[in-house]
Structure formats: structure tokens, C-alpha cells
Amino acid sequence: MPLERVTIIGGGAWGTALAQAAANAGREVMLVARDPESVEAINTRHRNPRHLGDQPLAEAISARTDFDEPRDFVILAVPAQASRVVLAPIGEKLAGTPVILSAKGLERGTLKRQSEILSEMAPRAVPLILSGPSFAVDVAAGRPTAVTLAGDDDALTESLAAALAGPALRPYAAGDRIGVELAGGLKNVYALACGAVEGAGLGASARAALIARAYAELSRLVVAAGGQASTLTGLAGLGDLTLSCTSTQSRNYRQGTLLGRGEGLSGQVGLAEGVFTAPAAQELAERLGVEAPLIGAVNLLLGAAASIETIVAGLMSRPLKREE
């Protein structure tokens, strides 16, 4: 099937960055954004100043405020908690269309992954997952970035990866949708924890230990949910976890630093998806029968149920066991 034209739903920083990457890969791009001012700026000045400042955008990108038809494939680039609402009025139009889901997070209340939401709202669409260590500003600026694209059909997944591959974006095709989705969503929770360690001044050694134990905890959850342990060694696992847990560009990491300073959510940093995913992740771990003390600790911190000093003391006093 031809993969020359793509519709990207979501005119924020990430959606615009993916539009830029797709255009640089030679695709014809229609960006659907709800903000009329952003649409006008993209169409007339080839900029999205509200989300990407003065970053020039490719002339192959057009924008509009309404979704009319899916083209050859679709990329959904809206916040994880908004996916269901955005898909509701367009689900029937997506029949038979490959839909690449780029949001990272579990839906509050249902605990559903993004592909599970898509299967409910557009049951005849073909789901794929895009995840990995990437910041919108880097992708939009054409800085070297490698990501994972996971789908059930190997040939289609590889074709779509090739369609998005450009001078600076390198998508690696994979088959473990469950593992890639969970890794992408849960790493935001661990980024909150690492930011809290930084905010509380607990040191680089504590942060490194937390990342290692987060990797182990994430591995247990992915396997219990039906994903593959090998996924965690790749871009969507270790790569994304490392980036989000160490960089101040990560909104979740920055939000965590405020939590570590005792400021709670009073100074919320943009859209930190981990804040919404953490309670769902804890409920999912309980449902799967997986011990997840780090996710539990983040929820204690988010709920102001204990100070970070008390939480850390509790983690450090857990029974000793062999490393796994």
C-alpha cells in the first residue's frame, strides 16, 4: 500500500515535531490542530510559535482544524488522557488505516493502553506504537533521534518505519506492542521518582540505584502483562527510561524535582503524564500481582501521604534479597 501521505492529529510540540520529521522523510503531511492560531501560523509562516518557538517548519506541512480523511496512515499525537475523546468522532473513518499511537500513558480509571483505547473507538484501525528516547525539540530541529515502531504485521511495520525514516529520525521496527506501550507509559512514573531524588538532594548515587531498580520493576510488569523482557533492553525500554530519568528537558523529571522539594503539584510543570499514569500503574501492578514498591512510593509522594525522607527510609529498610 502507498505510504506517501500522512495525517497527524495533534498540533502540540510532539505532533508538530513528528510532522516535521515526516516531511523531512519526504511525506506529504496534514497536521490537524485544534488551535486556529497555530494552524494559521503553520500555513502562512511555517512556524508553530506556541509550541516550538521560532523553529522553521517544512513547507510540505499543511494544517487544518478538522479531520476530514485519514490519508495513507495516521499518527495520533495527543495526550494519553485525551485519546478516547479525540478518537470518538472519527473512529469509523479509520477503518483499515494504520494508526501510529505516540502518547505514553495508561488511561485513568480503565488502566487501558493506547492501543486498547484505539481498538474500542476504532476497532477496524490497525494499531502501531511509536516510542523511545525522544524530545520534541530535538526531533523538530533535526537532531539525531532513534525510536521504536511496534506493530503486529512485520511487513507493514517495516514499511511505515521506512516511510518515517529521514536524515535525523531512525525508527526501528519491532513486534512487541504491549512491551513498548508499557515501557513508554511507566517510564514517566519512574522519571517523577528520579526527579524527586534530585529535588530532595539525595545524590547521584541514589538516582543511579533508582534507575536500575526501576528497570527491574518495569521488566516484571511488562512480562506479567504479556510483553517481552527483551524489549526492555532496547530504545523503548532502557533508552527511554534513561533519558526521562536524567534530563531536565523531561517534564516528568522536572515535576519530580518539585515533589522532592516538598512543593507537591502546586507548581505543575506543563503536562507531566506520569502524574496521571502513576495511580493507574499501581492498580495495574496489583491486578497483575506484581510487587512494585517504586510506583507505590511515587503515589505516596503524589498524594502527600508521606515525606520523601520517610518514603526513602521505608524503601531502604525493605528486606534484603538477591538482585534479580
C-alpha atoms as a PDB file:
ATOM      1  CA  MET A   1       0.000   0.000   0.000  1.00  0.00           C
ATOM      2  CA  PRO A   2       1.211   3.559  -0.656  1.00  0.00           C
ATOM      3  CA  LEU A   3       2.536   5.415   2.386  1.00  0.00           C
ATOM      4  CA  GLU A   4       3.149   8.849   0.919  1.00  0.00           C
ATOM      5  CA  ARG A   5       0.513  10.931   2.706  1.00  0.00           C
ATOM      6  CA  VAL A   6       0.109  11.136   6.468  1.00  0.00           C
ATOM      7  CA  THR A   7      -2.416  12.858   8.716  1.00  0.00           C
ATOM      8  CA  ILE A   8      -1.078  13.825  12.139  1.00  0.00           C
ATOM      9  CA  ILE A   9      -3.693  14.548  14.798  1.00  0.00           C
ATOM     10  CA  GLY A  10      -2.386  16.882  17.476  1.00  0.00           C
ATOM     11  CA  GLY A  11      -0.793  20.279  16.957  1.00  0.00           C
ATOM     12  CA  GLY A  12       1.268  20.441  20.132  1.00  0.00           C
ATOM     13  CA  ALA A  13       5.048  20.240  20.286  1.00  0.00           C
ATOM     14  CA  TRP A  14       5.191  16.477  19.723  1.00  0.00           C
ATOM     15  CA  GLY A  15       2.660  16.375  16.891  1.00  0.00           C
ATOM     16  CA  THR A  16       4.389  19.255  15.132  1.00  0.00           C
ATOM     17  CA  ALA A  17       7.800  17.655  15.621  1.00  0.00           C
ATOM     18  CA  LEU A  18       6.556  14.398  14.091  1.00  0.00           C
ATOM     19  CA  ALA A  19       5.069  16.384  11.214  1.00  0.00           C
ATOM     20  CA  GLN A  20       8.488  17.922  10.645  1.00  0.00           C
ATOM     21  CA  ALA A  21      10.171  14.514  10.743  1.00  0.00           C
ATOM     22  CA  ALA A  22       7.635  13.024   8.319  1.00  0.00           C
ATOM     23  CA  ALA A  23       8.057  15.954   5.925  1.00  0.00           C
ATOM     24  CA  ASN A  24      11.837  15.609   6.095  1.00  0.00           C
ATOM     25  CA  ALA A  25      11.360  11.945   5.191  1.00  0.00           C
ATOM     26  CA  GLY A  26       9.566  13.027   2.018  1.00  0.00           C
ATOM     27  CA  ARG A  27       5.976  12.532   3.151  1.00  0.00           C
ATOM     28  CA  GLU A  28       3.083  14.894   2.397  1.00  0.00           C
ATOM     29  CA  VAL A  29       1.787  15.974   5.809  1.00  0.00           C
ATOM     30  CA  MET A  30      -1.573  17.246   7.002  1.00  0.00           C
ATOM     31  CA  LEU A  31      -1.457  18.373  10.645  1.00  0.00           C
ATOM     32  CA  VAL A  32      -4.787  18.570  12.470  1.00  0.00           C
ATOM     33  CA  ALA A  33      -4.649  21.076  15.350  1.00  0.00           C
ATOM     34  CA  ARG A  34      -7.472  22.480  17.449  1.00  0.00           C
ATOM     35  CA  ASP A  35      -5.888  25.949  17.848  1.00  0.00           C
ATOM     36  CA  PRO A  36      -6.775  28.192  14.850  1.00  0.00           C
ATOM     37  CA  GLU A  37      -3.832  30.496  15.554  1.00  0.00           C
ATOM     38  CA  SER A  38      -1.385  27.604  15.368  1.00  0.00           C
ATOM     39  CA  VAL A  39      -2.987  26.421  12.125  1.00  0.00           C
ATOM     40  CA  GLU A  40      -2.657  29.876  10.588  1.00  0.00           C
ATOM     41  CA  ALA A  41       0.953  30.219  11.717  1.00  0.00           C
ATOM     42  CA  ILE A  42       1.870  26.824  10.246  1.00  0.00           C
ATOM     43  CA  ASN A  43       0.167  27.551   6.927  1.00  0.00           C
ATOM     44  CA  THR A  44       1.385  31.136   6.474  1.00  0.00           C
ATOM     45  CA  ARG A  45       4.693  31.393   8.338  1.00  0.00           C
ATOM     46  CA  HIS A  46       5.751  27.732   8.595  1.00  0.00           C
ATOM     47  CA  ARG A  47       6.107  28.078  12.355  1.00  0.00           C
ATOM     48  CA  ASN A  48       4.251  26.862  15.456  1.00  0.00           C
ATOM     49  CA  PRO A  49       5.390  29.562  17.894  1.00  0.00           C
ATOM     50  CA  ARG A  50       3.063  28.487  20.685  1.00  0.00           C
ATOM     51  CA  HIS A  51       4.764  25.099  20.977  1.00  0.00           C
ATOM     52  CA  LEU A  52       8.103  25.228  19.139  1.00  0.00           C
ATOM     53  CA  GLY A  53       9.092  28.872  19.201  1.00  0.00           C
ATOM     54  CA  ASP A  54      10.791  30.091  16.038  1.00  0.00           C
ATOM     55  CA  GLN A  55      11.715  26.620  14.743  1.00  0.00           C
ATOM     56  CA  PRO A  56      11.184  26.688  10.939  1.00  0.00           C
ATOM     57  CA  LEU A  57       8.824  24.014   9.617  1.00  0.00           C
ATOM     58  CA  ALA A  58       8.892  22.274   6.252  1.00  0.00           C
ATOM     59  CA  GLU A  59       6.661  23.714   3.535  1.00  0.00           C
ATOM     60  CA  ALA A  60       5.311  20.202   2.915  1.00  0.00           C
ATOM     61  CA  ILE A  61       3.317  20.550   6.160  1.00  0.00           C
ATOM     62  CA  SER A  62      -0.234  21.875   5.866  1.00  0.00           C
ATOM     63  CA  ALA A  63      -2.575  22.366   8.816  1.00  0.00           C
ATOM     64  CA  ARG A  64      -6.295  22.468   9.472  1.00  0.00           C
ATOM     65  CA  THR A  65      -8.613  22.393  12.479  1.00  0.00           C
ATOM     66  CA  ASP A  66     -10.833  19.499  11.428  1.00  0.00           C
ATOM     67  CA  PHE A  67     -10.188  15.895  10.488  1.00  0.00           C
ATOM     68  CA  ASP A  68     -11.638  15.057   7.090  1.00  0.00           C
ATOM     69  CA  GLU A  69      -9.987  11.823   5.919  1.00  0.00           C
ATOM     70  CA  PRO A  70      -7.120   9.650   7.152  1.00  0.00           C
ATOM     71  CA  ARG A  71      -4.866   9.594   4.048  1.00  0.00           C
ATOM     72  CA  ASP A  72      -2.430   6.659   3.797  1.00  0.00           C
ATOM     73  CA  PHE A  73      -1.693   6.483   7.514  1.00  0.00           C
ATOM     74  CA  VAL A  74      -2.371   8.456  10.676  1.00  0.00           C
ATOM     75  CA  ILE A  75      -0.246   9.472  13.642  1.00  0.00           C
ATOM     76  CA  LEU A  76      -2.168  10.255  16.823  1.00  0.00           C
ATOM     77  CA  ALA A  77      -0.139  12.749  18.876  1.00  0.00           C
ATOM     78  CA  VAL A  78      -2.470  13.960  21.623  1.00  0.00           C
ATOM     79  CA  PRO A  79      -2.050  13.494  25.403  1.00  0.00           C
ATOM     80  CA  ALA A  80      -2.748   9.974  26.626  1.00  0.00           C
ATOM     81  CA  GLN A  81      -5.779  11.011  28.647  1.00  0.00           C
ATOM     82  CA  ALA A  82      -7.322  12.734  25.607  1.00  0.00           C
ATOM     83  CA  SER A  83      -7.056   9.838  23.142  1.00  0.00           C
ATOM     84  CA  ARG A  84     -10.542   8.439  23.730  1.00  0.00           C
ATOM     85  CA  VAL A  85     -12.252  11.823  23.302  1.00  0.00           C
ATOM     86  CA  VAL A  86     -10.305  12.633  20.147  1.00  0.00           C
ATOM     87  CA  LEU A  87     -10.968   9.215  18.588  1.00  0.00           C
ATOM     88  CA  ALA A  88     -14.691   9.133  19.396  1.00  0.00           C
ATOM     89  CA  PRO A  89     -15.953  11.207  16.428  1.00  0.00           C
ATOM     90  CA  ILE A  90     -13.506   9.817  13.846  1.00  0.00           C
ATOM     91  CA  GLY A  91     -13.314   6.110  14.672  1.00  0.00           C
ATOM     92  CA  GLU A  92     -15.373   4.940  11.705  1.00  0.00           C
ATOM     93  CA  LYS A  93     -13.196   6.919   9.297  1.00  0.00           C
ATOM     94  CA  LEU A  94     -10.122   4.992  10.429  1.00  0.00           C
ATOM     95  CA  ALA A  95     -11.301   1.578   9.214  1.00  0.00           C
ATOM     96  CA  GLY A  96      -8.384  -0.259   7.622  1.00  0.00           C
ATOM     97  CA  THR A  97      -5.996   2.647   8.296  1.00  0.00           C
ATOM     98  CA  PRO A  98      -2.647   2.187  10.058  1.00  0.00           C
ATOM     99  CA  VAL A  99      -2.754   4.422  13.157  1.00  0.00           C
ATOM    100  CA  ILE A 100       0.547   5.140  14.894  1.00  0.00           C
ATOM    101  CA  LEU A 101      -0.029   5.948  18.567  1.00  0.00           C
ATOM    102  CA  SER A 102       2.613   8.217  20.099  1.00  0.00           C
ATOM    103  CA  ALA A 103       1.141   9.079  23.513  1.00  0.00           C
ATOM    104  CA  LYS A 104       2.764   7.451  26.545  1.00  0.00           C
ATOM    105  CA  GLY A 105       0.481   6.574  29.407  1.00  0.00           C
ATOM    106  CA  LEU A 106      -2.285   4.409  30.826  1.00  0.00           C
ATOM    107  CA  GLU A 107      -5.845   5.714  30.820  1.00  0.00           C
ATOM    108  CA  ARG A 108      -7.133   6.698  34.239  1.00  0.00           C
ATOM    109  CA  GLY A 109      -9.952   4.521  35.506  1.00  0.00           C
ATOM    110  CA  THR A 110      -9.746   1.851  32.812  1.00  0.00           C
ATOM    111  CA  LEU A 111      -5.948   1.187  33.036  1.00  0.00           C
ATOM    112  CA  LYS A 112      -6.031   0.685  29.271  1.00  0.00           C
ATOM    113  CA  ARG A 113      -3.057   1.123  26.998  1.00  0.00           C
ATOM    114  CA  GLN A 114      -3.382   3.427  23.994  1.00  0.00           C
ATOM    115  CA  SER A 115      -3.845   0.559  21.518  1.00  0.00           C
ATOM    116  CA  GLU A 116      -6.641  -0.852  23.683  1.00  0.00           C
ATOM    117  CA  ILE A 117      -8.399   2.516  23.553  1.00  0.00           C
ATOM    118  CA  LEU A 118      -7.984   2.575  19.779  1.00  0.00           C
ATOM    119  CA  SER A 119      -9.443  -0.932  19.470  1.00  0.00           C
ATOM    120  CA  GLU A 120     -12.559   0.240  21.309  1.00  0.00           C
ATOM    121  CA  MET A 121     -13.020   3.537  19.475  1.00  0.00           C
ATOM    122  CA  ALA A 122     -11.842   2.417  16.021  1.00  0.00           C
ATOM    123  CA  PRO A 123     -11.966  -1.396  16.029  1.00  0.00           C
ATOM    124  CA  ARG A 124     -11.066  -1.716  12.354  1.00  0.00           C
ATOM    125  CA  ALA A 125      -7.993   0.523  12.526  1.00  0.00           C
ATOM    126  CA  VAL A 126      -4.516  -1.044  12.504  1.00  0.00           C
ATOM    127  CA  PRO A 127      -2.598  -0.078  15.688  1.00  0.00           C
ATOM    128  CA  LEU A 128       1.127   0.637  15.883  1.00  0.00           C
ATOM    129  CA  ILE A 129       3.137   2.153  18.725  1.00  0.00           C
ATOM    130  CA  LEU A 130       5.859   4.795  18.427  1.00  0.00           C
ATOM    131  CA  SER A 131       8.073   5.173  21.481  1.00  0.00           C
ATOM    132  CA  GLY A 132      11.673   5.665  22.516  1.00  0.00           C
ATOM    133  CA  PRO A 133      14.095   8.313  23.798  1.00  0.00           C
ATOM    134  CA  SER A 134      12.971  11.496  22.075  1.00  0.00           C
ATOM    135  CA  PHE A 135      12.183  15.100  22.905  1.00  0.00           C
ATOM    136  CA  ALA A 136      10.015  17.159  20.558  1.00  0.00           C
ATOM    137  CA  VAL A 137      12.518  20.000  20.342  1.00  0.00           C
ATOM    138  CA  ASP A 138      15.251  17.606  19.191  1.00  0.00           C
ATOM    139  CA  VAL A 139      13.084  15.904  16.573  1.00  0.00           C
ATOM    140  CA  ALA A 140      11.805  19.230  15.214  1.00  0.00           C
ATOM    141  CA  ALA A 141      15.330  20.623  14.984  1.00  0.00           C
ATOM    142  CA  GLY A 142      16.564  17.577  13.091  1.00  0.00           C
ATOM    143  CA  ARG A 143      18.891  16.322  15.803  1.00  0.00           C
ATOM    144  CA  PRO A 144      19.741  12.586  15.572  1.00  0.00           C
ATOM    145  CA  THR A 145      16.987  10.533  17.229  1.00  0.00           C
ATOM    146  CA  ALA A 146      16.269   6.799  17.242  1.00  0.00           C
ATOM    147  CA  VAL A 147      12.901   5.345  18.251  1.00  0.00           C
ATOM    148  CA  THR A 148      10.935   2.093  18.175  1.00  0.00           C
ATOM    149  CA  LEU A 149       7.888   1.471  15.989  1.00  0.00           C
ATOM    150  CA  ALA A 150       5.989  -1.633  17.115  1.00  0.00           C
ATOM    151  CA  GLY A 151       3.207  -3.378  15.218  1.00  0.00           C
ATOM    152  CA  ASP A 152       1.677  -6.803  14.715  1.00  0.00           C
ATOM    153  CA  ASP A 153       2.283  -7.030  10.956  1.00  0.00           C
ATOM    154  CA  ASP A 154       6.040  -7.168  10.354  1.00  0.00           C
ATOM    155  CA  ALA A 155       5.886  -6.072   6.728  1.00  0.00           C
ATOM    156  CA  LEU A 156       3.597  -3.113   7.429  1.00  0.00           C
ATOM    157  CA  THR A 157       5.628  -2.049  10.456  1.00  0.00           C
ATOM    158  CA  GLU A 158       8.854  -2.111   8.463  1.00  0.00           C
ATOM    159  CA  SER A 159       7.233  -0.168   5.610  1.00  0.00           C
ATOM    160  CA  LEU A 160       5.981   2.522   7.979  1.00  0.00           C
ATOM    161  CA  ALA A 161       9.368   2.725   9.697  1.00  0.00           C
ATOM    162  CA  ALA A 162      10.923   3.298   6.280  1.00  0.00           C
ATOM    163  CA  ALA A 163       8.289   5.923   5.445  1.00  0.00           C
ATOM    164  CA  LEU A 164       9.197   7.915   8.569  1.00  0.00           C
ATOM    165  CA  ALA A 165      12.950   7.434   8.371  1.00  0.00           C
ATOM    166  CA  GLY A 166      14.758  10.609   7.422  1.00  0.00           C
ATOM    167  CA  PRO A 167      18.072  12.383   7.816  1.00  0.00           C
ATOM    168  CA  ALA A 168      17.729  12.583  11.599  1.00  0.00           C
ATOM    169  CA  LEU A 169      14.936  10.202  12.658  1.00  0.00           C
ATOM    170  CA  ARG A 170      15.677   6.466  12.664  1.00  0.00           C
ATOM    171  CA  PRO A 171      12.706   4.231  13.570  1.00  0.00           C
ATOM    172  CA  TYR A 172      13.488   0.595  14.404  1.00  0.00           C
ATOM    173  CA  ALA A 173      10.665  -1.858  13.644  1.00  0.00           C
ATOM    174  CA  ALA A 174       9.580  -4.215  16.433  1.00  0.00           C
ATOM    175  CA  GLY A 175       6.738  -6.590  17.214  1.00  0.00           C
ATOM    176  CA  ASP A 176       6.113  -6.258  20.959  1.00  0.00           C
ATOM    177  CA  ARG A 177       3.311  -3.688  21.143  1.00  0.00           C
ATOM    178  CA  ILE A 178       2.486  -4.468  24.775  1.00  0.00           C
ATOM    179  CA  GLY A 179       6.056  -4.133  25.983  1.00  0.00           C
ATOM    180  CA  VAL A 180       6.714  -0.943  24.041  1.00  0.00           C
ATOM    181  CA  GLU A 181       3.477   0.664  25.268  1.00  0.00           C
ATOM    182  CA  LEU A 182       4.008  -0.208  28.911  1.00  0.00           C
ATOM    183  CA  ALA A 183       7.643   0.844  28.891  1.00  0.00           C
ATOM    184  CA  GLY A 184       6.721   4.188  27.342  1.00  0.00           C
ATOM    185  CA  GLY A 185       3.969   4.890  29.845  1.00  0.00           C
ATOM    186  CA  LEU A 186       5.607   3.643  33.026  1.00  0.00           C
ATOM    187  CA  LYS A 187       8.962   5.324  32.464  1.00  0.00           C
ATOM    188  CA  ASN A 188       7.182   8.629  33.178  1.00  0.00           C
ATOM    189  CA  VAL A 189       6.362   7.386  36.678  1.00  0.00           C
ATOM    190  CA  TYR A 190       9.987   6.492  37.315  1.00  0.00           C
ATOM    191  CA  ALA A 191      11.064   9.878  35.944  1.00  0.00           C
ATOM    192  CA  LEU A 192       8.942  11.501  38.652  1.00  0.00           C
ATOM    193  CA  ALA A 193      10.801   9.399  41.218  1.00  0.00           C
ATOM    194  CA  CYS A 194      14.222  10.328  39.856  1.00  0.00           C
ATOM    195  CA  GLY A 195      13.293  13.992  39.776  1.00  0.00           C
ATOM    196  CA  ALA A 196      12.180  13.723  43.393  1.00  0.00           C
ATOM    197  CA  VAL A 197      15.560  12.265  44.340  1.00  0.00           C
ATOM    198  CA  GLU A 198      17.207  15.241  42.662  1.00  0.00           C
ATOM    199  CA  GLY A 199      14.841  17.748  44.254  1.00  0.00           C
ATOM    200  CA  ALA A 200      15.460  16.308  47.702  1.00  0.00           C
ATOM    201  CA  GLY A 201      19.211  16.452  47.201  1.00  0.00           C
ATOM    202  CA  LEU A 202      19.734  12.734  47.774  1.00  0.00           C
ATOM    203  CA  GLY A 203      22.621  12.492  45.320  1.00  0.00           C
ATOM    204  CA  ALA A 204      23.606  10.924  42.015  1.00  0.00           C
ATOM    205  CA  SER A 205      24.257   7.527  43.602  1.00  0.00           C
ATOM    206  CA  ALA A 206      20.662   7.307  44.791  1.00  0.00           C
ATOM    207  CA  ARG A 207      19.369   8.287  41.377  1.00  0.00           C
ATOM    208  CA  ALA A 208      21.501   5.665  39.617  1.00  0.00           C
ATOM    209  CA  ALA A 209      20.299   2.979  42.018  1.00  0.00           C
ATOM    210  CA  LEU A 210      16.704   4.054  41.467  1.00  0.00           C
ATOM    211  CA  ILE A 211      17.048   3.788  37.672  1.00  0.00           C
ATOM    212  CA  ALA A 212      18.480   0.272  37.985  1.00  0.00           C
ATOM    213  CA  ARG A 213      15.721  -0.887  40.319  1.00  0.00           C
ATOM    214  CA  ALA A 214      13.098   0.841  38.149  1.00  0.00           C
ATOM    215  CA  TYR A 215      14.369  -1.181  35.204  1.00  0.00           C
ATOM    216  CA  ALA A 216      13.917  -4.388  37.210  1.00  0.00           C
ATOM    217  CA  GLU A 217      10.442  -3.398  38.376  1.00  0.00           C
ATOM    218  CA  LEU A 218       9.414  -2.365  34.865  1.00  0.00           C
ATOM    219  CA  SER A 219      10.681  -5.682  33.497  1.00  0.00           C
ATOM    220  CA  ARG A 220       8.484  -7.623  35.927  1.00  0.00           C
ATOM    221  CA  LEU A 221       5.425  -5.596  34.960  1.00  0.00           C
ATOM    222  CA  VAL A 222       5.991  -5.877  31.214  1.00  0.00           C
ATOM    223  CA  VAL A 223       6.407  -9.654  31.330  1.00  0.00           C
ATOM    224  CA  ALA A 224       3.393 -10.116  33.616  1.00  0.00           C
ATOM    225  CA  ALA A 225       1.271  -8.076  31.188  1.00  0.00           C
ATOM    226  CA  GLY A 226       2.279 -10.259  28.251  1.00  0.00           C
ATOM    227  CA  GLY A 227       5.184  -8.240  26.877  1.00  0.00           C
ATOM    228  CA  GLN A 228       8.706  -9.402  26.171  1.00  0.00           C
ATOM    229  CA  ALA A 229      11.636  -8.895  28.536  1.00  0.00           C
ATOM    230  CA  SER A 230      13.934  -8.260  25.551  1.00  0.00           C
ATOM    231  CA  THR A 231      12.003  -5.079  24.744  1.00  0.00           C
ATOM    232  CA  LEU A 232      13.417  -3.505  27.897  1.00  0.00           C
ATOM    233  CA  THR A 233      16.977  -3.714  26.555  1.00  0.00           C
ATOM    234  CA  GLY A 234      16.136  -1.515  23.571  1.00  0.00           C
ATOM    235  CA  LEU A 235      15.230   2.061  22.755  1.00  0.00           C
ATOM    236  CA  ALA A 236      11.678   1.865  24.113  1.00  0.00           C
ATOM    237  CA  GLY A 237      12.933   0.393  27.385  1.00  0.00           C
ATOM    238  CA  LEU A 238      16.377   1.298  28.658  1.00  0.00           C
ATOM    239  CA  GLY A 239      16.799   4.143  26.163  1.00  0.00           C
ATOM    240  CA  ASP A 240      13.622   5.998  27.074  1.00  0.00           C
ATOM    241  CA  LEU A 241      13.936   5.224  30.789  1.00  0.00           C
ATOM    242  CA  THR A 242      17.458   6.650  30.914  1.00  0.00           C
ATOM    243  CA  LEU A 243      16.565   9.825  29.024  1.00  0.00           C
ATOM    244  CA  SER A 244      13.446  10.603  31.037  1.00  0.00           C
ATOM    245  CA  CYS A 245      15.112   9.845  34.382  1.00  0.00           C
ATOM    246  CA  THR A 246      18.164  12.034  33.828  1.00  0.00           C
ATOM    247  CA  SER A 247      17.217  15.059  31.742  1.00  0.00           C
ATOM    248  CA  THR A 248      15.666  18.326  32.894  1.00  0.00           C
ATOM    249  CA  GLN A 249      14.035  18.515  29.452  1.00  0.00           C
ATOM    250  CA  SER A 250      11.668  15.830  30.719  1.00  0.00           C
ATOM    251  CA  ARG A 251       8.503  17.385  32.160  1.00  0.00           C
ATOM    252  CA  ASN A 252       8.095  14.379  34.419  1.00  0.00           C
ATOM    253  CA  TYR A 253      11.619  14.745  35.776  1.00  0.00           C
ATOM    254  CA  ARG A 254      11.071  18.472  36.401  1.00  0.00           C
ATOM    255  CA  GLN A 255       7.748  17.764  38.096  1.00  0.00           C
ATOM    256  CA  GLY A 256       9.503  15.220  40.279  1.00  0.00           C
ATOM    257  CA  THR A 257      12.056  17.784  41.425  1.00  0.00           C
ATOM    258  CA  LEU A 258       9.201  19.929  42.738  1.00  0.00           C
ATOM    259  CA  LEU A 259       7.779  16.920  44.562  1.00  0.00           C
ATOM    260  CA  GLY A 260      11.188  16.268  46.090  1.00  0.00           C
ATOM    261  CA  ARG A 261      11.367  19.843  47.330  1.00  0.00           C
ATOM    262  CA  GLY A 262       8.047  19.424  49.082  1.00  0.00           C
ATOM    263  CA  GLU A 263       6.115  21.645  46.660  1.00  0.00           C
ATOM    264  CA  GLY A 264       3.667  18.921  45.641  1.00  0.00           C
ATOM    265  CA  LEU A 265       1.717  19.656  42.486  1.00  0.00           C
ATOM    266  CA  SER A 266       1.256  23.342  43.258  1.00  0.00           C
ATOM    267  CA  GLY A 267       3.813  24.259  40.625  1.00  0.00           C
ATOM    268  CA  GLN A 268       2.731  21.770  37.971  1.00  0.00           C
ATOM    269  CA  VAL A 269       5.120  21.599  35.011  1.00  0.00           C
ATOM    270  CA  GLY A 270       3.086  21.513  31.810  1.00  0.00           C
ATOM    271  CA  LEU A 271       1.687  18.088  31.013  1.00  0.00           C
ATOM    272  CA  ALA A 272       3.540  15.536  33.136  1.00  0.00           C
ATOM    273  CA  GLU A 273       1.865  12.308  32.016  1.00  0.00           C
ATOM    274  CA  GLY A 274       3.379  10.366  34.908  1.00  0.00           C
ATOM    275  CA  VAL A 275       1.108  12.195  37.357  1.00  0.00           C
ATOM    276  CA  PHE A 276      -1.926  10.600  35.701  1.00  0.00           C
ATOM    277  CA  THR A 277      -0.297   7.249  34.956  1.00  0.00           C
ATOM    278  CA  ALA A 278       1.077   6.592  38.465  1.00  0.00           C
ATOM    279  CA  PRO A 279      -2.265   5.655  40.129  1.00  0.00           C
ATOM    280  CA  ALA A 280      -3.240   3.522  37.125  1.00  0.00           C
ATOM    281  CA  ALA A 281       0.176   1.835  37.186  1.00  0.00           C
ATOM    282  CA  GLN A 282      -0.205   0.933  40.837  1.00  0.00           C
ATOM    283  CA  GLU A 283      -3.644  -0.523  40.238  1.00  0.00           C
ATOM    284  CA  LEU A 284      -2.306  -2.448  37.247  1.00  0.00           C
ATOM    285  CA  ALA A 285       0.568  -3.870  39.299  1.00  0.00           C
ATOM    286  CA  GLU A 286      -1.879  -5.012  41.965  1.00  0.00           C
ATOM    287  CA  ARG A 287      -4.112  -6.582  39.323  1.00  0.00           C
ATOM    288  CA  LEU A 288      -1.137  -8.427  37.840  1.00  0.00           C
ATOM    289  CA  GLY A 289       0.157  -9.495  41.245  1.00  0.00           C
ATOM    290  CA  VAL A 290       3.496  -7.758  40.696  1.00  0.00           C
ATOM    291  CA  GLU A 291       5.387  -6.132  43.538  1.00  0.00           C
ATOM    292  CA  ALA A 292       6.060  -2.506  42.526  1.00  0.00           C
ATOM    293  CA  PRO A 293       7.400  -0.564  45.532  1.00  0.00           C
ATOM    294  CA  LEU A 294       8.772   2.298  43.442  1.00  0.00           C
ATOM    295  CA  ILE A 295       5.425   3.002  41.797  1.00  0.00           C
ATOM    296  CA  GLY A 296       3.862   2.815  45.245  1.00  0.00           C
ATOM    297  CA  ALA A 297       6.400   5.320  46.551  1.00  0.00           C
ATOM    298  CA  VAL A 298       5.590   7.776  43.753  1.00  0.00           C
ATOM    299  CA  ASN A 299       1.893   7.565  44.589  1.00  0.00           C
ATOM    300  CA  LEU A 300       2.622   8.264  48.244  1.00  0.00           C
ATOM    301  CA  LEU A 301       4.543  11.330  47.170  1.00  0.00           C
ATOM    302  CA  LEU A 302       1.839  12.499  44.762  1.00  0.00           C
ATOM    303  CA  GLY A 303      -0.807  12.098  47.448  1.00  0.00           C
ATOM    304  CA  ALA A 304       1.318  13.894  50.039  1.00  0.00           C
ATOM    305  CA  ALA A 305       0.832  10.808  52.209  1.00  0.00           C
ATOM    306  CA  ALA A 306       4.453  10.861  53.375  1.00  0.00           C
ATOM    307  CA  SER A 307       7.589  12.944  53.030  1.00  0.00           C
ATOM    308  CA  ILE A 308      10.285  11.792  50.653  1.00  0.00           C
ATOM    309  CA  GLU A 309      12.571  11.154  53.633  1.00  0.00           C
ATOM    310  CA  THR A 310      10.015   8.764  55.126  1.00  0.00           C
ATOM    311  CA  ILE A 311       9.429   7.079  51.763  1.00  0.00           C
ATOM    312  CA  VAL A 312      13.141   6.569  51.146  1.00  0.00           C
ATOM    313  CA  ALA A 313      13.641   5.228  54.663  1.00  0.00           C
ATOM    314  CA  GLY A 314      10.875   2.712  54.004  1.00  0.00           C
ATOM    315  CA  LEU A 315      12.442   1.598  50.726  1.00  0.00           C
ATOM    316  CA  MET A 316      15.879   1.271  52.297  1.00  0.00           C
ATOM    317  CA  SER A 317      14.528  -0.864  55.147  1.00  0.00           C
ATOM    318  CA  ARG A 318      12.810  -3.403  52.895  1.00  0.00           C
ATOM    319  CA  PRO A 319      14.051  -6.988  53.417  1.00  0.00           C
ATOM    320  CA  LEU A 320      17.336  -7.697  51.699  1.00  0.00           C
ATOM    321  CA  LYS A 321      17.262 -10.172  48.822  1.00  0.00           C
ATOM    322  CA  ARG A 322      19.320 -11.294  45.877  1.00  0.00           C
ATOM    323  CA  GLU A 323      19.434  -8.911  42.945  1.00  0.00           C
ATOM    324  CA  GLU A 324      17.252 -10.014  40.024  1.00  0.00           C
END
